[in-house]
């Protein structure tokens, strides 16, 4: 891991990411998503967080809040895509 990457992915942020997994999956179950769909959203959240880490602004909220917002956006995208496919079937 490079020095710059180590500075971005602090132990606190890594822990928030790990804890978000449970919270995100719990939240998504309320949407009626299957276990596999929830796992998919969590993985996409991790990928998106890695790509967009530079957009995190601690003045706008905590890292945990940011990662949860990323997860909700990923879930919404997945639900929209699923609904779109259902309409064409």
N, C-alpha and C. Protein backbone atom coordinates (compact mmCIF):
# COMPACT_ATOMS: atom_id res chain seq x y z
N UNK A 1 0.85 -1.17 0.00
CA UNK A 1 0.00 0.00 0.00
C UNK A 1 0.90 1.24 0.00
N UNK A 2 0.60 2.17 -0.86
CA UNK A 2 1.42 3.38 -0.95
C UNK A 2 1.16 4.28 0.25
N UNK A 3 2.07 5.19 0.48
CA UNK A 3 1.95 6.14 1.59
C UNK A 3 0.65 6.94 1.46
N UNK A 4 0.34 7.42 0.25
CA UNK A 4 -0.89 8.20 0.04
C UNK A 4 -2.12 7.37 0.35
N UNK A 5 -2.12 6.10 -0.05
CA UNK A 5 -3.25 5.22 0.21
C UNK A 5 -3.40 4.97 1.70
N UNK A 6 -2.29 4.81 2.41
CA UNK A 6 -2.34 4.60 3.85
C UNK A 6 -2.94 5.80 4.55
N UNK A 7 -2.65 6.99 4.06
CA UNK A 7 -3.20 8.20 4.68
C UNK A 7 -4.70 8.31 4.45
N UNK A 8 -5.18 7.85 3.31
CA UNK A 8 -6.60 7.92 2.98
C UNK A 8 -7.37 6.85 3.75
N UNK A 9 -6.86 5.64 3.74
CA UNK A 9 -7.54 4.52 4.39
C UNK A 9 -6.98 4.31 5.79
N UNK A 10 -7.38 5.18 6.71
CA UNK A 10 -6.96 5.08 8.10
C UNK A 10 -7.65 3.90 8.76
N UNK A 11 -7.14 3.51 9.90
CA UNK A 11 -7.75 2.40 10.65
C UNK A 11 -9.20 2.72 11.00
N UNK A 12 -9.47 3.97 11.33
CA UNK A 12 -10.84 4.39 11.66
C UNK A 12 -11.77 4.21 10.46
N UNK A 13 -11.29 4.58 9.30
CA UNK A 13 -12.12 4.46 8.09
C UNK A 13 -12.34 3.01 7.70
N UNK A 14 -11.31 2.21 7.85
CA UNK A 14 -11.44 0.78 7.54
C UNK A 14 -12.46 0.15 8.49
N UNK A 15 -12.40 0.51 9.76
CA UNK A 15 -13.36 -0.01 10.73
C UNK A 15 -14.78 0.45 10.40
N UNK A 16 -14.94 1.71 10.00
CA UNK A 16 -16.26 2.22 9.60
C UNK A 16 -16.78 1.46 8.40
N UNK A 17 -15.89 1.13 7.48
CA UNK A 17 -16.28 0.37 6.30
C UNK A 17 -16.76 -1.02 6.70
N UNK A 18 -16.03 -1.68 7.60
CA UNK A 18 -16.43 -3.00 8.07
C UNK A 18 -17.77 -2.95 8.79
N UNK A 19 -17.95 -1.97 9.64
CA UNK A 19 -19.20 -1.86 10.39
C UNK A 19 -20.37 -1.50 9.47
N UNK A 20 -20.07 -0.79 8.41
CA UNK A 20 -21.15 -0.41 7.49
C UNK A 20 -21.77 -1.62 6.83
N UNK A 21 -21.01 -2.69 6.68
CA UNK A 21 -21.51 -3.90 6.03
C UNK A 21 -22.79 -4.38 6.72
N UNK A 22 -22.74 -4.51 8.05
CA UNK A 22 -23.92 -4.97 8.79
C UNK A 22 -25.06 -3.97 8.69
N UNK A 23 -24.75 -2.71 8.87
CA UNK A 23 -25.80 -1.68 8.84
C UNK A 23 -26.45 -1.61 7.46
N UNK A 24 -25.63 -1.67 6.42
CA UNK A 24 -26.15 -1.59 5.06
C UNK A 24 -27.03 -2.80 4.76
N UNK A 25 -26.56 -3.98 5.11
CA UNK A 25 -27.35 -5.18 4.84
C UNK A 25 -28.66 -5.17 5.61
N UNK A 26 -28.63 -4.68 6.84
CA UNK A 26 -29.86 -4.57 7.63
C UNK A 26 -30.82 -3.58 6.98
N UNK A 27 -30.30 -2.45 6.58
CA UNK A 27 -31.11 -1.42 5.93
C UNK A 27 -31.72 -1.96 4.63
N UNK A 28 -30.93 -2.66 3.85
CA UNK A 28 -31.39 -3.18 2.57
C UNK A 28 -32.44 -4.27 2.74
N UNK A 29 -32.36 -5.02 3.82
CA UNK A 29 -33.37 -6.06 4.04
C UNK A 29 -34.76 -5.43 4.21
N UNK A 30 -34.79 -4.20 4.72
CA UNK A 30 -36.06 -3.49 4.85
C UNK A 30 -36.63 -3.10 3.49
N UNK A 31 -35.77 -3.03 2.50
CA UNK A 31 -36.19 -2.72 1.12
C UNK A 31 -36.70 -3.98 0.43
N UNK A 32 -36.51 -5.13 1.05
CA UNK A 32 -36.94 -6.38 0.47
C UNK A 32 -35.90 -7.02 -0.45
N UNK A 33 -34.65 -6.56 -0.35
CA UNK A 33 -33.59 -7.13 -1.18
C UNK A 33 -33.20 -8.50 -0.63
N UNK A 34 -32.83 -9.37 -1.52
CA UNK A 34 -32.37 -10.69 -1.12
C UNK A 34 -30.98 -10.58 -0.51
N UNK A 35 -30.54 -11.64 0.14
CA UNK A 35 -29.19 -11.69 0.71
C UNK A 35 -28.15 -11.41 -0.36
N UNK A 36 -28.31 -12.06 -1.53
CA UNK A 36 -27.33 -11.87 -2.61
C UNK A 36 -27.33 -10.45 -3.15
N UNK A 37 -28.51 -9.86 -3.26
CA UNK A 37 -28.59 -8.47 -3.71
C UNK A 37 -27.90 -7.54 -2.72
N UNK A 38 -28.14 -7.78 -1.44
CA UNK A 38 -27.50 -6.96 -0.41
C UNK A 38 -25.99 -7.11 -0.46
N UNK A 39 -25.50 -8.33 -0.64
CA UNK A 39 -24.06 -8.56 -0.77
C UNK A 39 -23.49 -7.81 -1.98
N UNK A 40 -24.24 -7.85 -3.07
CA UNK A 40 -23.81 -7.14 -4.28
C UNK A 40 -23.69 -5.65 -4.01
N UNK A 41 -24.69 -5.08 -3.34
CA UNK A 41 -24.66 -3.65 -3.04
C UNK A 41 -23.49 -3.31 -2.13
N UNK A 42 -23.23 -4.15 -1.14
CA UNK A 42 -22.09 -3.90 -0.25
C UNK A 42 -20.79 -3.90 -1.05
N UNK A 43 -20.61 -4.87 -1.92
CA UNK A 43 -19.39 -4.92 -2.73
C UNK A 43 -19.27 -3.70 -3.64
N UNK A 44 -20.37 -3.32 -4.27
CA UNK A 44 -20.35 -2.14 -5.13
C UNK A 44 -20.07 -0.87 -4.31
N UNK A 45 -20.56 -0.85 -3.08
CA UNK A 45 -20.29 0.28 -2.19
C UNK A 45 -18.80 0.38 -1.92
N UNK A 46 -18.17 -0.75 -1.62
CA UNK A 46 -16.72 -0.75 -1.36
C UNK A 46 -15.95 -0.26 -2.58
N UNK A 47 -16.34 -0.75 -3.75
CA UNK A 47 -15.65 -0.32 -4.98
C UNK A 47 -15.83 1.17 -5.23
N UNK A 48 -17.07 1.64 -5.07
CA UNK A 48 -17.34 3.06 -5.29
C UNK A 48 -16.61 3.93 -4.26
N UNK A 49 -16.56 3.47 -3.02
CA UNK A 49 -15.85 4.22 -1.99
C UNK A 49 -14.36 4.32 -2.32
N UNK A 50 -13.81 3.25 -2.84
CA UNK A 50 -12.40 3.26 -3.23
C UNK A 50 -12.17 4.24 -4.37
N UNK A 51 -13.07 4.24 -5.35
CA UNK A 51 -12.93 5.14 -6.50
C UNK A 51 -13.15 6.61 -6.12
N UNK A 52 -14.06 6.86 -5.19
CA UNK A 52 -14.50 8.23 -4.90
C UNK A 52 -14.02 8.76 -3.54
N UNK A 53 -13.02 8.11 -2.95
CA UNK A 53 -12.56 8.51 -1.62
C UNK A 53 -12.16 9.98 -1.57
N UNK A 54 -11.69 10.51 -2.68
CA UNK A 54 -11.29 11.92 -2.71
C UNK A 54 -12.49 12.86 -2.54
N UNK A 55 -13.70 12.37 -2.77
CA UNK A 55 -14.87 13.23 -2.62
C UNK A 55 -15.35 13.30 -1.17
N UNK A 56 -14.78 12.48 -0.29
CA UNK A 56 -15.16 12.53 1.12
C UNK A 56 -14.68 13.85 1.72
N UNK A 57 -15.62 14.56 2.35
CA UNK A 57 -15.32 15.84 2.99
C UNK A 57 -15.72 15.76 4.46
N UNK A 58 -14.75 15.68 5.37
CA UNK A 58 -15.08 15.54 6.79
C UNK A 58 -15.88 16.72 7.35
N UNK A 59 -15.86 17.85 6.66
CA UNK A 59 -16.63 19.00 7.13
C UNK A 59 -18.13 18.80 6.87
N UNK A 60 -18.47 17.88 5.98
CA UNK A 60 -19.88 17.63 5.66
C UNK A 60 -20.47 16.48 6.47
N UNK A 61 -19.64 15.73 7.15
CA UNK A 61 -20.13 14.61 7.96
C UNK A 61 -19.03 13.59 8.20
N UNK A 62 -19.37 12.59 8.99
CA UNK A 62 -18.40 11.56 9.32
C UNK A 62 -18.19 10.61 8.14
N UNK A 63 -17.12 9.84 8.23
CA UNK A 63 -16.85 8.85 7.19
C UNK A 63 -17.96 7.81 7.15
N UNK A 64 -18.44 7.41 8.33
CA UNK A 64 -19.52 6.41 8.39
C UNK A 64 -20.77 6.93 7.68
N UNK A 65 -21.10 8.19 7.88
CA UNK A 65 -22.26 8.78 7.20
C UNK A 65 -22.04 8.80 5.69
N UNK A 66 -20.83 9.12 5.27
CA UNK A 66 -20.51 9.17 3.85
C UNK A 66 -20.65 7.78 3.23
N UNK A 67 -20.10 6.77 3.90
CA UNK A 67 -20.14 5.42 3.33
C UNK A 67 -21.58 4.91 3.27
N UNK A 68 -22.39 5.27 4.27
CA UNK A 68 -23.79 4.87 4.23
C UNK A 68 -24.53 5.56 3.08
N UNK A 69 -24.21 6.81 2.81
CA UNK A 69 -24.82 7.51 1.67
C UNK A 69 -24.42 6.84 0.36
N UNK A 70 -23.17 6.43 0.25
CA UNK A 70 -22.71 5.72 -0.94
C UNK A 70 -23.51 4.42 -1.10
N UNK A 71 -23.72 3.72 0.00
CA UNK A 71 -24.46 2.45 -0.03
C UNK A 71 -25.91 2.67 -0.46
N UNK A 72 -26.54 3.69 0.07
CA UNK A 72 -27.94 3.97 -0.29
C UNK A 72 -28.03 4.29 -1.78
N UNK A 73 -27.08 5.07 -2.28
CA UNK A 73 -27.09 5.39 -3.71
C UNK A 73 -26.88 4.14 -4.56
N UNK A 74 -26.00 3.26 -4.12
CA UNK A 74 -25.78 2.01 -4.85
C UNK A 74 -27.05 1.16 -4.84
N UNK A 75 -27.72 1.10 -3.70
CA UNK A 75 -28.95 0.32 -3.60
C UNK A 75 -30.03 0.89 -4.51
N UNK A 76 -30.17 2.20 -4.51
CA UNK A 76 -31.16 2.83 -5.38
C UNK A 76 -30.88 2.51 -6.84
N UNK A 77 -29.63 2.56 -7.21
CA UNK A 77 -29.25 2.24 -8.60
C UNK A 77 -29.62 0.81 -8.95
N UNK A 78 -29.36 -0.11 -8.01
CA UNK A 78 -29.67 -1.51 -8.26
C UNK A 78 -31.17 -1.72 -8.37
N UNK A 79 -31.95 -1.09 -7.49
CA UNK A 79 -33.40 -1.22 -7.52
C UNK A 79 -33.96 -0.65 -8.83
N UNK A 80 -33.44 0.51 -9.24
CA UNK A 80 -33.88 1.10 -10.52
C UNK A 80 -33.59 0.16 -11.68
N UNK A 81 -32.39 -0.40 -11.69
CA UNK A 81 -32.02 -1.32 -12.78
C UNK A 81 -32.92 -2.55 -12.76
N UNK A 82 -33.20 -3.07 -11.57
CA UNK A 82 -34.06 -4.24 -11.45
C UNK A 82 -35.48 -3.93 -11.93
N UNK A 83 -36.00 -2.77 -11.53
CA UNK A 83 -37.35 -2.37 -11.96
C UNK A 83 -37.40 -2.14 -13.47
N UNK A 84 -36.34 -1.60 -14.01
CA UNK A 84 -36.28 -1.37 -15.45
C UNK A 84 -36.30 -2.68 -16.21
N UNK A 85 -35.55 -3.66 -15.74
CA UNK A 85 -35.53 -4.99 -16.38
C UNK A 85 -36.89 -5.66 -16.26
N UNK A 86 -37.54 -5.51 -15.10
CA UNK A 86 -38.84 -6.13 -14.87
C UNK A 86 -39.88 -5.59 -15.84
N UNK A 87 -39.79 -4.31 -16.18
CA UNK A 87 -40.75 -3.70 -17.11
C UNK A 87 -40.57 -4.21 -18.53
N UNK A 88 -39.33 -4.57 -18.89
CA UNK A 88 -39.07 -5.02 -20.25
C UNK A 88 -39.31 -6.53 -20.43
N UNK A 89 -39.44 -7.23 -19.32
CA UNK A 89 -39.67 -8.70 -19.40
C UNK A 89 -41.08 -9.03 -19.73
